PDB file of N, CA and C in Angstrom:
ATOM      1  N   MET A   1      25.924 -16.709  -7.282  1.00  0.00           N
ATOM      2  CA  MET A   1      25.104 -15.597  -6.401  1.00  0.00           C
ATOM      3  C   MET A   1      24.204 -16.277  -5.503  1.00  0.00           C
ATOM      4  N   ALA A   2      23.980 -15.700  -4.332  1.00  0.00           N
ATOM      5  CA  ALA A   2      23.147 -16.408  -3.402  1.00  0.00           C
ATOM      6  C   ALA A   2      21.824 -15.434  -3.069  1.00  0.00           C
ATOM      7  N   LYS A   3      20.901 -16.400  -2.700  1.00  0.00           N
ATOM      8  CA  LYS A   3      19.674 -15.660  -2.357  1.00  0.00           C
ATOM      9  C   LYS A   3      19.587 -15.281  -1.014  1.00  0.00           C
ATOM     10  N   ILE A   4      19.488 -14.096  -0.533  1.00  0.00           N
ATOM     11  CA  ILE A   4      19.731 -13.624   0.934  1.00  0.00           C
ATOM     12  C   ILE A   4      18.408 -12.859   1.254  1.00  0.00           C
ATOM     13  N   LEU A   5      18.021 -13.133   2.410  1.00  0.00           N
ATOM     14  CA  LEU A   5      17.029 -12.202   3.070  1.00  0.00           C
ATOM     15  C   LEU A   5      17.501 -11.081   4.102  1.00  0.00           C
ATOM     16  N   LEU A   6      17.528 -10.008   3.950  1.00  0.00           N
ATOM     17  CA  LEU A   6      17.811  -8.966   5.027  1.00  0.00           C
ATOM     18  C   LEU A   6      16.573  -8.261   5.664  1.00  0.00           C
ATOM     19  N   ALA A   7      16.500  -8.666   7.146  1.00  0.00           N
ATOM     20  CA  ALA A   7      15.443  -8.068   7.869  1.00  0.00           C
ATOM     21  C   ALA A   7      16.025  -7.127   8.873  1.00  0.00           C
ATOM     22  N   GLU A   8      15.599  -5.909   8.500  1.00  0.00           N
ATOM     23  CA  GLU A   8      16.074  -4.753   9.427  1.00  0.00           C
ATOM     24  C   GLU A   8      15.074  -3.639   9.176  1.00  0.00           C
ATOM     25  N   ASP A   9      14.903  -3.043  10.510  1.00  0.00           N
ATOM     26  CA  ASP A   9      13.972  -1.979  10.493  1.00  0.00           C
ATOM     27  C   ASP A   9      14.361  -0.596  10.047  1.00  0.00           C
ATOM     28  N   GLU A  10      15.730  -0.572  10.312  1.00  0.00           N
ATOM     29  CA  GLU A  10      16.314   0.891  10.039  1.00  0.00           C
ATOM     30  C   GLU A  10      16.484   0.940   8.597  1.00  0.00           C
ATOM     31  N   GLU A  11      15.647   1.835   7.975  1.00  0.00           N
ATOM     32  CA  GLU A  11      15.667   1.913   6.403  1.00  0.00           C
ATOM     33  C   GLU A  11      16.949   2.290   5.820  1.00  0.00           C
ATOM     34  N   VAL A  12      17.581   3.145   6.306  1.00  0.00           N
ATOM     35  CA  VAL A  12      19.077   3.601   5.683  1.00  0.00           C
ATOM     36  C   VAL A  12      20.013   2.531   5.817  1.00  0.00           C
ATOM     37  N   LEU A  13      20.107   1.785   6.890  1.00  0.00           N
ATOM     38  CA  LEU A  13      20.959   0.729   7.259  1.00  0.00           C
ATOM     39  C   LEU A  13      20.680  -0.350   6.159  1.00  0.00           C
ATOM     40  N   ARG A  14      19.282  -0.695   5.954  1.00  0.00           N
ATOM     41  CA  ARG A  14      18.648  -1.663   5.055  1.00  0.00           C
ATOM     42  C   ARG A  14      19.236  -1.529   3.720  1.00  0.00           C
ATOM     43  N   MET A  15      19.056  -0.053   3.225  1.00  0.00           N
ATOM     44  CA  MET A  15      19.344   0.148   1.818  1.00  0.00           C
ATOM     45  C   MET A  15      20.958   0.117   1.510  1.00  0.00           C
ATOM     46  N   LEU A  16      21.634   0.346   2.645  1.00  0.00           N
ATOM     47  CA  LEU A  16      23.183   0.355   2.460  1.00  0.00           C
ATOM     48  C   LEU A  16      23.616  -1.389   2.272  1.00  0.00           C
ATOM     49  N   VAL A  17      23.107  -2.173   3.158  1.00  0.00           N
ATOM     50  CA  VAL A  17      23.327  -3.469   3.144  1.00  0.00           C
ATOM     51  C   VAL A  17      22.785  -4.019   1.548  1.00  0.00           C
ATOM     52  N   VAL A  18      21.628  -3.681   1.290  1.00  0.00           N
ATOM     53  CA  VAL A  18      21.083  -4.295   0.369  1.00  0.00           C
ATOM     54  C   VAL A  18      22.143  -3.908  -0.939  1.00  0.00           C
ATOM     55  N   ASP A  19      22.281  -2.581  -1.006  1.00  0.00           N
ATOM     56  CA  ASP A  19      23.128  -2.070  -2.237  1.00  0.00           C
ATOM     57  C   ASP A  19      24.455  -2.729  -2.237  1.00  0.00           C
ATOM     58  N   THR A  20      25.157  -2.826  -1.008  1.00  0.00           N
ATOM     59  CA  THR A  20      26.476  -3.622  -0.951  1.00  0.00           C
ATOM     60  C   THR A  20      26.299  -5.054  -1.411  1.00  0.00           C
ATOM     61  N   LEU A  21      25.375  -5.600  -0.847  1.00  0.00           N
ATOM     62  CA  LEU A  21      25.180  -7.068  -1.374  1.00  0.00           C
ATOM     63  C   LEU A  21      24.815  -7.336  -2.657  1.00  0.00           C
ATOM     64  N   GLU A  22      24.054  -6.450  -3.453  1.00  0.00           N
ATOM     65  CA  GLU A  22      23.644  -6.511  -4.744  1.00  0.00           C
ATOM     66  C   GLU A  22      24.681  -6.275  -5.759  1.00  0.00           C
ATOM     67  N   ASP A  23      25.723  -5.430  -5.083  1.00  0.00           N
ATOM     68  CA  ASP A  23      26.888  -5.062  -6.027  1.00  0.00           C
ATOM     69  C   ASP A  23      27.941  -6.331  -5.968  1.00  0.00           C
ATOM     70  N   GLU A  24      27.713  -7.097  -4.991  1.00  0.00           N
ATOM     71  CA  GLU A  24      28.396  -8.361  -4.996  1.00  0.00           C
ATOM     72  C   GLU A  24      27.876  -9.525  -6.021  1.00  0.00           C
ATOM     73  N   GLY A  25      26.648  -9.083  -6.334  1.00  0.00           N
ATOM     74  CA  GLY A  25      25.927  -9.983  -7.298  1.00  0.00           C
ATOM     75  C   GLY A  25      24.770 -10.821  -6.594  1.00  0.00           C
ATOM     76  N   HIS A  26      24.457 -10.507  -5.426  1.00  0.00           N
ATOM     77  CA  HIS A  26      23.750 -11.556  -4.721  1.00  0.00           C
ATOM     78  C   HIS A  26      22.130 -10.984  -4.943  1.00  0.00           C
ATOM     79  N   ASP A  27      21.220 -11.771  -4.804  1.00  0.00           N
ATOM     80  CA  ASP A  27      19.740 -11.700  -5.018  1.00  0.00           C
ATOM     81  C   ASP A  27      19.151 -11.509  -3.622  1.00  0.00           C
ATOM     82  N   ILE A  28      18.890 -10.193  -3.379  1.00  0.00           N
ATOM     83  CA  ILE A  28      18.351  -9.719  -2.009  1.00  0.00           C
ATOM     84  C   ILE A  28      16.872  -9.360  -1.757  1.00  0.00           C
ATOM     85  N   ASP A  29      16.410  -9.983  -0.875  1.00  0.00           N
ATOM     86  CA  ASP A  29      14.891  -9.727  -0.436  1.00  0.00           C
ATOM     87  C   ASP A  29      14.905  -8.892   0.686  1.00  0.00           C
ATOM     88  N   GLU A  30      13.994  -7.962   1.051  1.00  0.00           N
ATOM     89  CA  GLU A  30      14.054  -7.076   2.167  1.00  0.00           C
ATOM     90  C   GLU A  30      12.788  -7.300   2.843  1.00  0.00           C
ATOM     91  N   ALA A  31      13.006  -7.034   4.216  1.00  0.00           N
ATOM     92  CA  ALA A  31      12.004  -7.032   5.317  1.00  0.00           C
ATOM     93  C   ALA A  31      12.157  -5.954   6.276  1.00  0.00           C
ATOM     94  N   CYS A  32      11.014  -5.107   6.613  1.00  0.00           N
ATOM     95  CA  CYS A  32      11.339  -4.221   7.595  1.00  0.00           C
ATOM     96  C   CYS A  32      10.852  -4.364   8.875  1.00  0.00           C
ATOM     97  N   ASP A  33      10.288  -5.773   9.054  1.00  0.00           N
ATOM     98  CA  ASP A  33       9.904  -6.298  10.567  1.00  0.00           C
ATOM     99  C   ASP A  33      10.024  -7.785  10.631  1.00  0.00           C
ATOM    100  N   GLY A  34       9.723  -8.343  11.590  1.00  0.00           N
ATOM    101  CA  GLY A  34       9.744  -9.660  11.888  1.00  0.00           C
ATOM    102  C   GLY A  34       8.737 -10.466  11.217  1.00  0.00           C
ATOM    103  N   GLU A  35       7.493  -9.935  11.292  1.00  0.00           N
ATOM    104  CA  GLU A  35       6.362 -10.469  10.718  1.00  0.00           C
ATOM    105  C   GLU A  35       6.266 -10.631   9.007  1.00  0.00           C
ATOM    106  N   GLU A  36       6.950  -9.602   8.205  1.00  0.00           N
ATOM    107  CA  GLU A  36       7.381  -9.596   6.921  1.00  0.00           C
ATOM    108  C   GLU A  36       8.538 -10.645   6.567  1.00  0.00           C
ATOM    109  N   ALA A  37       9.354 -10.553   7.421  1.00  0.00           N
ATOM    110  CA  ALA A  37      10.455 -11.414   7.281  1.00  0.00           C
ATOM    111  C   ALA A  37       9.905 -13.041   7.329  1.00  0.00           C
ATOM    112  N   LEU A  38       8.984 -13.362   8.066  1.00  0.00           N
ATOM    113  CA  LEU A  38       8.561 -14.747   8.469  1.00  0.00           C
ATOM    114  C   LEU A  38       7.751 -15.129   7.122  1.00  0.00           C
ATOM    115  N   GLU A  39       6.988 -14.216   6.646  1.00  0.00           N
ATOM    116  CA  GLU A  39       6.108 -14.372   5.212  1.00  0.00           C
ATOM    117  C   GLU A  39       7.039 -14.740   4.205  1.00  0.00           C
ATOM    118  N   LEU A  40       8.206 -13.917   4.036  1.00  0.00           N
ATOM    119  CA  LEU A  40       9.134 -14.174   2.955  1.00  0.00           C
ATOM    120  C   LEU A  40       9.825 -15.457   3.093  1.00  0.00           C
ATOM    121  N   ILE A  41      10.280 -15.854   4.338  1.00  0.00           N
ATOM    122  CA  ILE A  41      10.872 -17.039   4.638  1.00  0.00           C
ATOM    123  C   ILE A  41      10.029 -18.169   4.263  1.00  0.00           C
ATOM    124  N   LYS A  42       8.702 -18.194   4.507  1.00  0.00           N
ATOM    125  CA  LYS A  42       7.656 -19.115   4.323  1.00  0.00           C
ATOM    126  C   LYS A  42       7.544 -19.314   2.676  1.00  0.00           C
ATOM    127  N   GLN A  43       7.610 -18.329   1.968  1.00  0.00           N
ATOM    128  CA  GLN A  43       7.443 -18.274   0.548  1.00  0.00           C
ATOM    129  C   GLN A  43       8.814 -18.623  -0.387  1.00  0.00           C
ATOM    130  N   ASN A  44      10.002 -18.517   0.302  1.00  0.00           N
ATOM    131  CA  ASN A  44      11.124 -18.317  -0.470  1.00  0.00           C
ATOM    132  C   ASN A  44      12.258 -19.522   0.219  1.00  0.00           C
ATOM    133  N   ASP A  45      13.221 -19.952  -0.681  1.00  0.00           N
ATOM    134  CA  ASP A  45      14.342 -20.662  -0.047  1.00  0.00           C
ATOM    135  C   ASP A  45      15.580 -19.831  -0.142  1.00  0.00           C
ATOM    136  N   TYR A  46      15.972 -19.430   0.969  1.00  0.00           N
ATOM    137  CA  TYR A  46      17.097 -18.495   1.054  1.00  0.00           C
ATOM    138  C   TYR A  46      18.309 -19.368   1.379  1.00  0.00           C
ATOM    139  N   ASP A  47      19.709 -18.806   0.814  1.00  0.00           N
ATOM    140  CA  ASP A  47      20.930 -19.511   1.113  1.00  0.00           C
ATOM    141  C   ASP A  47      21.440 -18.723   2.595  1.00  0.00           C
ATOM    142  N   LEU A  48      20.934 -17.559   2.915  1.00  0.00           N
ATOM    143  CA  LEU A  48      21.292 -17.112   4.055  1.00  0.00           C
ATOM    144  C   LEU A  48      20.198 -15.854   4.612  1.00  0.00           C
ATOM    145  N   ILE A  49      19.978 -15.778   5.843  1.00  0.00           N
ATOM    146  CA  ILE A  49      19.013 -14.929   6.289  1.00  0.00           C
ATOM    147  C   ILE A  49      19.764 -14.042   7.377  1.00  0.00           C
ATOM    148  N   LEU A  50      19.711 -12.865   7.045  1.00  0.00           N
ATOM    149  CA  LEU A  50      20.200 -11.696   7.923  1.00  0.00           C
ATOM    150  C   LEU A  50      19.243 -11.017   8.712  1.00  0.00           C
ATOM    151  N   LEU A  51      19.220 -11.077  10.204  1.00  0.00           N
ATOM    152  CA  LEU A  51      18.191 -10.638  11.041  1.00  0.00           C
ATOM    153  C   LEU A  51      18.727  -9.658  11.921  1.00  0.00           C
ATOM    154  N   ASP A  52      18.011  -8.385  12.045  1.00  0.00           N
ATOM    155  CA  ASP A  52      18.305  -7.494  12.954  1.00  0.00           C
ATOM    156  C   ASP A  52      17.696  -8.099  14.484  1.00  0.00           C
ATOM    157  N   TYR A  53      18.103  -7.735  15.426  1.00  0.00           N
ATOM    158  CA  TYR A  53      17.758  -8.236  16.889  1.00  0.00           C
ATOM    159  C   TYR A  53      16.293  -7.535  17.040  1.00  0.00           C
ATOM    160  N   MET A  54      16.450  -6.187  17.239  1.00  0.00           N
ATOM    161  CA  MET A  54      15.434  -5.398  17.671  1.00  0.00           C
ATOM    162  C   MET A  54      14.556  -4.851  16.569  1.00  0.00           C
ATOM    163  N   MET A  55      13.467  -5.670  16.203  1.00  0.00           N
ATOM    164  CA  MET A  55      12.461  -5.171  15.123  1.00  0.00           C
ATOM    165  C   MET A  55      11.077  -5.309  15.675  1.00  0.00           C
ATOM    166  N   PRO A  56      10.290  -4.562  14.870  1.00  0.00           N
ATOM    167  CA  PRO A  56       8.704  -4.588  15.224  1.00  0.00           C
ATOM    168  C   PRO A  56       8.136  -5.921  15.130  1.00  0.00           C
ATOM    169  N   ILE A  57       7.056  -6.090  15.457  1.00  0.00           N
ATOM    170  CA  ILE A  57       6.275  -7.068  15.558  1.00  0.00           C
ATOM    171  C   ILE A  57       6.922  -8.421  16.095  1.00  0.00           C
ATOM    172  N   TYR A  58       8.106  -9.018  15.453  1.00  0.00           N
ATOM    173  CA  TYR A  58       8.572 -10.091  15.998  1.00  0.00           C
ATOM    174  C   TYR A  58      10.081  -9.605  16.104  1.00  0.00           C
ATOM    175  N   THR A  59      10.766  -9.861  17.219  1.00  0.00           N
ATOM    176  CA  THR A  59      12.172  -9.662  17.060  1.00  0.00           C
ATOM    177  C   THR A  59      12.933 -10.777  16.267  1.00  0.00           C
ATOM    178  N   GLY A  60      14.177 -10.351  16.077  1.00  0.00           N
ATOM    179  CA  GLY A  60      15.139 -11.420  15.226  1.00  0.00           C
ATOM    180  C   GLY A  60      15.176 -12.733  16.124  1.00  0.00           C
ATOM    181  N   LEU A  61      15.218 -12.672  17.480  1.00  0.00           N
ATOM    182  CA  LEU A  61      15.130 -13.888  18.021  1.00  0.00           C
ATOM    183  C   LEU A  61      13.879 -14.631  17.949  1.00  0.00           C
ATOM    184  N   GLU A  62      12.770 -14.092  17.906  1.00  0.00           N
ATOM    185  CA  GLU A  62      11.615 -14.787  17.655  1.00  0.00           C
ATOM    186  C   GLU A  62      11.378 -15.316  16.339  1.00  0.00           C
ATOM    187  N   VAL A  63      12.004 -14.622  15.443  1.00  0.00           N
ATOM    188  CA  VAL A  63      11.939 -15.215  13.944  1.00  0.00           C
ATOM    189  C   VAL A  63      12.906 -16.322  14.098  1.00  0.00           C
ATOM    190  N   ILE A  64      13.971 -16.146  14.694  1.00  0.00           N
ATOM    191  CA  ILE A  64      14.822 -17.293  14.450  1.00  0.00           C
ATOM    192  C   ILE A  64      14.202 -18.839  15.050  1.00  0.00           C
ATOM    193  N   GLN A  65      13.497 -18.397  16.223  1.00  0.00           N
ATOM    194  CA  GLN A  65      12.756 -19.608  16.870  1.00  0.00           C
ATOM    195  C   GLN A  65      11.736 -20.231  15.988  1.00  0.00           C
ATOM    196  N   GLN A  66      10.962 -19.400  15.281  1.00  0.00           N
ATOM    197  CA  GLN A  66       9.917 -19.966  14.312  1.00  0.00           C
ATOM    198  C   GLN A  66      10.547 -20.608  13.280  1.00  0.00           C
ATOM    199  N   VAL A  67      11.624 -20.125  12.676  1.00  0.00           N
ATOM    200  CA  VAL A  67      12.305 -20.592  11.448  1.00  0.00           C
ATOM    201  C   VAL A  67      12.719 -21.955  11.903  1.00  0.00           C
ATOM    202  N   ARG A  68      13.431 -22.038  12.975  1.00  0.00           N
ATOM    203  CA  ARG A  68      14.012 -23.595  13.302  1.00  0.00           C
ATOM    204  C   ARG A  68      13.002 -24.409  13.612  1.00  0.00           C
ATOM    205  N   GLN A  69      11.602 -24.037  13.588  1.00  0.00           N
ATOM    206  CA  GLN A  69      10.576 -25.179  13.903  1.00  0.00           C
ATOM    207  C   GLN A  69      10.018 -25.522  12.420  1.00  0.00           C
ATOM    208  N   MET A  70      10.393 -24.829  11.377  1.00  0.00           N
ATOM    209  CA  MET A  70       9.836 -25.203  10.082  1.00  0.00           C
ATOM    210  C   MET A  70      10.758 -26.311   9.303  1.00  0.00           C
ATOM    211  N   PRO A  71      10.236 -27.395   9.137  1.00  0.00           N
ATOM    212  CA  PRO A  71      10.843 -28.570   8.944  1.00  0.00           C
ATOM    213  C   PRO A  71      11.773 -28.312   7.449  1.00  0.00           C
ATOM    214  N   ASP A  72      11.253 -27.586   6.475  1.00  0.00           N
ATOM    215  CA  ASP A  72      11.942 -27.551   5.379  1.00  0.00           C
ATOM    216  C   ASP A  72      12.897 -26.185   5.290  1.00  0.00           C
ATOM    217  N   LYS A  73      12.931 -25.567   6.452  1.00  0.00           N
ATOM    218  CA  LYS A  73      13.846 -24.347   6.611  1.00  0.00           C
ATOM    219  C   LYS A  73      14.970 -24.554   7.530  1.00  0.00           C
ATOM    220  N   LYS A  74      15.011 -25.767   8.139  1.00  0.00           N
ATOM    221  CA  LYS A  74      16.067 -25.902   9.256  1.00  0.00           C
ATOM    222  C   LYS A  74      17.561 -25.649   8.861  1.00  0.00           C
ATOM    223  N   HIS A  75      17.740 -26.108   7.475  1.00  0.00           N
ATOM    224  CA  HIS A  75      19.039 -26.057   6.847  1.00  0.00           C
ATOM    225  C   HIS A  75      19.665 -24.648   6.730  1.00  0.00           C
ATOM    226  N   VAL A  76      18.670 -23.518   6.576  1.00  0.00           N
ATOM    227  CA  VAL A  76      19.177 -22.317   6.271  1.00  0.00           C
ATOM    228  C   VAL A  76      20.082 -21.674   7.188  1.00  0.00           C
ATOM    229  N   LYS A  77      21.228 -20.954   6.690  1.00  0.00           N
ATOM    230  CA  LYS A  77      22.100 -20.296   7.694  1.00  0.00           C
ATOM    231  C   LYS A  77      21.330 -18.913   8.157  1.00  0.00           C
ATOM    232  N   ILE A  78      21.656 -18.706   9.403  1.00  0.00           N
ATOM    233  CA  ILE A  78      21.189 -17.333   9.992  1.00  0.00           C
ATOM    234  C   ILE A  78      22.056 -16.573  10.681  1.00  0.00           C
ATOM    235  N   MET A  79      22.186 -15.374  10.493  1.00  0.00           N
ATOM    236  CA  MET A  79      23.280 -14.473  10.933  1.00  0.00           C
ATOM    237  C   MET A  79      22.522 -13.287  11.590  1.00  0.00           C
ATOM    238  N   MET A  80      22.690 -13.226  12.888  1.00  0.00           N
ATOM    239  CA  MET A  80      22.058 -12.079  13.514  1.00  0.00           C
ATOM    240  C   MET A  80      22.862 -10.639  13.626  1.00  0.00           C
ATOM    241  N   LEU A  81      22.373  -9.592  13.395  1.00  0.00           N
ATOM    242  CA  LEU A  81      23.063  -8.462  13.341  1.00  0.00           C
ATOM    243  C   LEU A  81      22.299  -7.756  14.533  1.00  0.00           C
ATOM    244  N   SER A  82      23.311  -7.249  15.347  1.00  0.00           N
ATOM    245  CA  SER A  82      22.764  -6.712  16.493  1.00  0.00           C
ATOM    246  C   SER A  82      23.638  -5.726  17.385  1.00  0.00           C
ATOM    247  N   ALA A  83      23.231  -4.699  17.942  1.00  0.00           N
ATOM    248  CA  ALA A  83      23.840  -3.671  18.599  1.00  0.00           C
ATOM    249  C   ALA A  83      24.040  -4.473  20.237  1.00  0.00           C
ATOM    250  N   LYS A  84      23.049  -5.347  20.302  1.00  0.00           N
ATOM    251  CA  LYS A  84      23.158  -5.941  21.681  1.00  0.00           C
ATOM    252  C   LYS A  84      24.185  -7.038  21.693  1.00  0.00           C
ATOM    253  N   SER A  85      25.564  -6.692  22.063  1.00  0.00           N
ATOM    254  CA  SER A  85      26.670  -7.315  21.709  1.00  0.00           C
ATOM    255  C   SER A  85      27.250  -7.971  23.033  1.00  0.00           C
ATOM    256  N   GLN A  86      26.596  -7.981  24.092  1.00  0.00           N
ATOM    257  CA  GLN A  86      27.042  -8.513  25.421  1.00  0.00           C
ATOM    258  C   GLN A  86      27.119 -10.096  25.242  1.00  0.00           C
ATOM    259  N   GLN A  87      28.088 -10.625  25.854  1.00  0.00           N
ATOM    260  CA  GLN A  87      28.276 -12.210  25.714  1.00  0.00           C
ATOM    261  C   GLN A  87      26.856 -12.866  25.951  1.00  0.00           C
ATOM    262  N   ALA A  88      26.151 -12.467  26.960  1.00  0.00           N
ATOM    263  CA  ALA A  88      24.986 -13.022  27.136  1.00  0.00           C
ATOM    264  C   ALA A  88      23.909 -13.074  26.032  1.00  0.00           C
ATOM    265  N   ASP A  89      23.756 -11.778  25.440  1.00  0.00           N
ATOM    266  CA  ASP A  89      23.102 -11.581  24.293  1.00  0.00           C
ATOM    267  C   ASP A  89      23.504 -12.523  23.367  1.00  0.00           C
ATOM    268  N   GLN A  90      24.927 -12.403  22.911  1.00  0.00           N
ATOM    269  CA  GLN A  90      25.185 -13.431  21.792  1.00  0.00           C
ATOM    270  C   GLN A  90      24.880 -14.961  22.066  1.00  0.00           C
ATOM    271  N   GLN A  91      24.867 -15.359  23.231  1.00  0.00           N
ATOM    272  CA  GLN A  91      24.596 -16.834  23.508  1.00  0.00           C
ATOM    273  C   GLN A  91      23.269 -17.045  23.494  1.00  0.00           C
ATOM    274  N   ARG A  92      22.536 -16.071  23.897  1.00  0.00           N
ATOM    275  CA  ARG A  92      20.959 -16.221  23.696  1.00  0.00           C
ATOM    276  C   ARG A  92      20.642 -16.427  22.227  1.00  0.00           C
ATOM    277  N   VAL A  93      20.983 -15.612  21.265  1.00  0.00           N
ATOM    278  CA  VAL A  93      20.910 -15.845  19.932  1.00  0.00           C
ATOM    279  C   VAL A  93      21.302 -16.969  19.475  1.00  0.00           C
ATOM    280  N   LEU A  94      22.699 -17.540  19.807  1.00  0.00           N
ATOM    281  CA  LEU A  94      22.963 -18.732  19.168  1.00  0.00           C
ATOM    282  C   LEU A  94      22.376 -19.909  19.810  1.00  0.00           C
ATOM    283  N   ASP A  95      21.796 -20.096  20.921  1.00  0.00           N
ATOM    284  CA  ASP A  95      21.010 -20.858  21.764  1.00  0.00           C
ATOM    285  C   ASP A  95      19.738 -21.022  20.990  1.00  0.00           C
ATOM    286  N   ALA A  96      19.135 -19.825  20.437  1.00  0.00           N
ATOM    287  CA  ALA A  96      17.715 -19.870  19.959  1.00  0.00           C
ATOM    288  C   ALA A  96      18.051 -20.433  18.227  1.00  0.00           C
ATOM    289  N   GLY A  97      19.183 -20.577  17.762  1.00  0.00           N
ATOM    290  CA  GLY A  97      19.417 -21.400  16.565  1.00  0.00           C
ATOM    291  C   GLY A  97      20.118 -20.595  15.508  1.00  0.00           C
ATOM    292  N   ALA A  98      20.595 -19.311  15.811  1.00  0.00           N
ATOM    293  CA  ALA A  98      21.410 -18.772  14.692  1.00  0.00           C
ATOM    294  C   ALA A  98      22.710 -19.432  14.579  1.00  0.00           C
ATOM    295  N   ASP A  99      23.332 -19.303  13.563  1.00  0.00           N
ATOM    296  CA  ASP A  99      24.528 -20.005  13.206  1.00  0.00           C
ATOM    297  C   ASP A  99      25.527 -18.820  13.484  1.00  0.00           C
ATOM    298  N   TYR A 100      25.343 -17.477  13.276  1.00  0.00           N
ATOM    299  CA  TYR A 100      26.335 -16.576  13.412  1.00  0.00           C
ATOM    300  C   TYR A 100      25.585 -15.259  14.097  1.00  0.00           C
ATOM    301  N   PHE A 101      26.810 -14.413  14.612  1.00  0.00           N
ATOM    302  CA  PHE A 101      26.319 -13.241  15.256  1.00  0.00           C
ATOM    303  C   PHE A 101      27.225 -12.206  14.745  1.00  0.00           C
ATOM    304  N   MET A 102      26.967 -10.994  14.520  1.00  0.00           N
ATOM    305  CA  MET A 102      27.771  -9.972  14.115  1.00  0.00           C
ATOM    306  C   MET A 102      27.245  -8.653  14.837  1.00  0.00           C
ATOM    307  N   ALA A 103      28.051  -8.053  15.515  1.00  0.00           N
ATOM    308  CA  ALA A 103      27.765  -6.855  16.440  1.00  0.00           C
ATOM    309  C   ALA A 103      27.682  -5.507  15.543  1.00  0.00           C
ATOM    310  N   LYS A 104      26.854  -4.759  15.717  1.00  0.00           N
ATOM    311  CA  LYS A 104      26.872  -3.357  15.226  1.00  0.00           C
ATOM    312  C   LYS A 104      27.520  -2.285  15.938  1.00  0.00           C
ATOM    313  N   PRO A 105      28.199  -1.445  15.617  1.00  0.00           N
ATOM    314  CA  PRO A 105      28.215  -1.165  14.104  1.00  0.00           C
ATOM    315  C   PRO A 105      29.134  -2.077  13.179  1.00  0.00           C
ATOM    316  N   TYR A 106      28.982  -2.251  12.126  1.00  0.00           N
ATOM    317  CA  TYR A 106      29.993  -2.983  11.355  1.00  0.00           C
ATOM    318  C   TYR A 106      30.177  -2.260   9.850  1.00  0.00           C
ATOM    319  N   SER A 107      31.308  -2.575   9.421  1.00  0.00           N
ATOM    320  CA  SER A 107      31.831  -2.118   7.987  1.00  0.00           C
ATOM    321  C   SER A 107      30.977  -2.852   6.919  1.00  0.00           C
ATOM    322  N   PRO A 108      30.342  -2.287   5.876  1.00  0.00           N
ATOM    323  CA  PRO A 108      30.180  -3.070   4.814  1.00  0.00           C
ATOM    324  C   PRO A 108      30.936  -4.121   4.194  1.00  0.00           C
ATOM    325  N   LEU A 109      32.226  -3.585   4.149  1.00  0.00           N
ATOM    326  CA  LEU A 109      33.256  -4.630   3.739  1.00  0.00           C
ATOM    327  C   LEU A 109      33.370  -6.032   4.760  1.00  0.00           C
ATOM    328  N   GLU A 110      33.364  -5.525   5.920  1.00  0.00           N
ATOM    329  CA  GLU A 110      33.211  -6.694   7.027  1.00  0.00           C
ATOM    330  C   GLU A 110      32.243  -7.690   6.888  1.00  0.00           C
ATOM    331  N   LEU A 111      30.909  -7.178   6.533  1.00  0.00           N
ATOM    332  CA  LEU A 111      29.967  -7.888   6.531  1.00  0.00           C
ATOM    333  C   LEU A 111      29.922  -8.586   5.064  1.00  0.00           C
ATOM    334  N   VAL A 112      30.552  -8.180   4.074  1.00  0.00           N
ATOM    335  CA  VAL A 112      30.599  -8.812   2.814  1.00  0.00           C
ATOM    336  C   VAL A 112      31.526 -10.192   3.157  1.00  0.00           C
ATOM    337  N   GLN A 113      32.598  -9.822   3.722  1.00  0.00           N
ATOM    338  CA  GLN A 113      33.738 -10.773   4.017  1.00  0.00           C
ATOM    339  C   GLN A 113      33.058 -12.191   4.814  1.00  0.00           C
ATOM    340  N   ARG A 114      32.290 -11.692   5.904  1.00  0.00           N
ATOM    341  CA  ARG A 114      31.600 -12.689   6.730  1.00  0.00           C
ATOM    342  C   ARG A 114      30.606 -13.465   5.816  1.00  0.00           C
ATOM    343  N   ILE A 115      29.932 -12.664   4.994  1.00  0.00           N
ATOM    344  CA  ILE A 115      28.767 -13.513   4.261  1.00  0.00           C
ATOM    345  C   ILE A 115      29.614 -14.342   3.022  1.00  0.00           C
ATOM    346  N   GLU A 116      30.564 -14.073   2.591  1.00  0.00           N
ATOM    347  CA  GLU A 116      31.196 -14.591   1.696  1.00  0.00           C
ATOM    348  C   GLU A 116      31.847 -15.969   2.312  1.00  0.00           C
ATOM    349  N   ALA A 117      32.348 -15.859   3.400  1.00  0.00           N
ATOM    350  CA  ALA A 117      32.838 -17.008   4.041  1.00  0.00           C
ATOM    351  C   ALA A 117      31.906 -18.030   4.429  1.00  0.00           C
ATOM    352  N   ILE A 118      30.681 -17.376   4.914  1.00  0.00           N
ATOM    353  CA  ILE A 118      29.581 -18.310   5.234  1.00  0.00           C
ATOM    354  C   ILE A 118      29.082 -19.083   4.082  1.00  0.00           C
ATOM    355  N   LEU A 119      28.989 -18.274   2.867  1.00  0.00           N
ATOM    356  CA  LEU A 119      28.443 -18.891   1.702  1.00  0.00           C
ATOM    357  C   LEU A 119      29.301 -19.996   1.115  1.00  0.00           C
ATOM    358  N   HIS A 120      30.722 -19.898   1.347  1.00  0.00           N
ATOM    359  CA  HIS A 120      31.450 -20.927   0.918  1.00  0.00           C
ATOM    360  C   HIS A 120      32.171 -21.948   2.124  1.00  0.00           C
ATOM    361  N   GLY A 121      31.202 -21.997   2.920  1.00  0.00           N
ATOM    362  CA  GLY A 121      31.416 -23.156   3.919  1.00  0.00           C
ATOM    363  C   GLY A 121      32.575 -23.029   4.841  1.00  0.00           C
ATOM    364  N   GLU A 122      33.083 -21.594   4.744  1.00  0.00           N
ATOM    365  CA  GLU A 122      34.237 -21.285   5.887  1.00  0.00           C
ATOM    366  C   GLU A 122      33.677 -21.162   7.020  1.00  0.00           C
ATOM    367  N   ASP A 123      34.459 -21.063   8.092  1.00  0.00           N
ATOM    368  CA  ASP A 123      34.237 -20.614   9.553  1.00  0.00           C
ATOM    369  C   ASP A 123      34.221 -19.282   9.339  1.00  0.00           C
ATOM    370  N   ALA A 124      33.023 -18.574   9.771  1.00  0.00           N
ATOM    371  CA  ALA A 124      32.948 -17.133   9.616  1.00  0.00           C
ATOM    372  C   ALA A 124      32.765 -16.553  11.056  1.00  0.00           C
TER     373      ALA A 124
END
């Protein structure tokens, strides 16, 4: 079981992902914007952080940049989930410090497979 943060402002999508990951046995925290995500990250140790790119207050990109400045959080794996799937967007996300990028739309099964690979140290 992994401790995962999902930061996603679209409530229906957030509920779908949370339900899917909880069914796989993971412990999931939810944030609906970048500010809430940062507060949870400061208070908890996560195995994986899933971030939407376009969120209110702080974007996923801004959250990544702030997390990578936190000495005790530099190790955490981060996956960006985004409809902004152009190569330049993906490169910007990876350059900011994300470990993985997954384009929307995605299937819940595909997301679970990627997460399991990440958590088991495989190349996702």
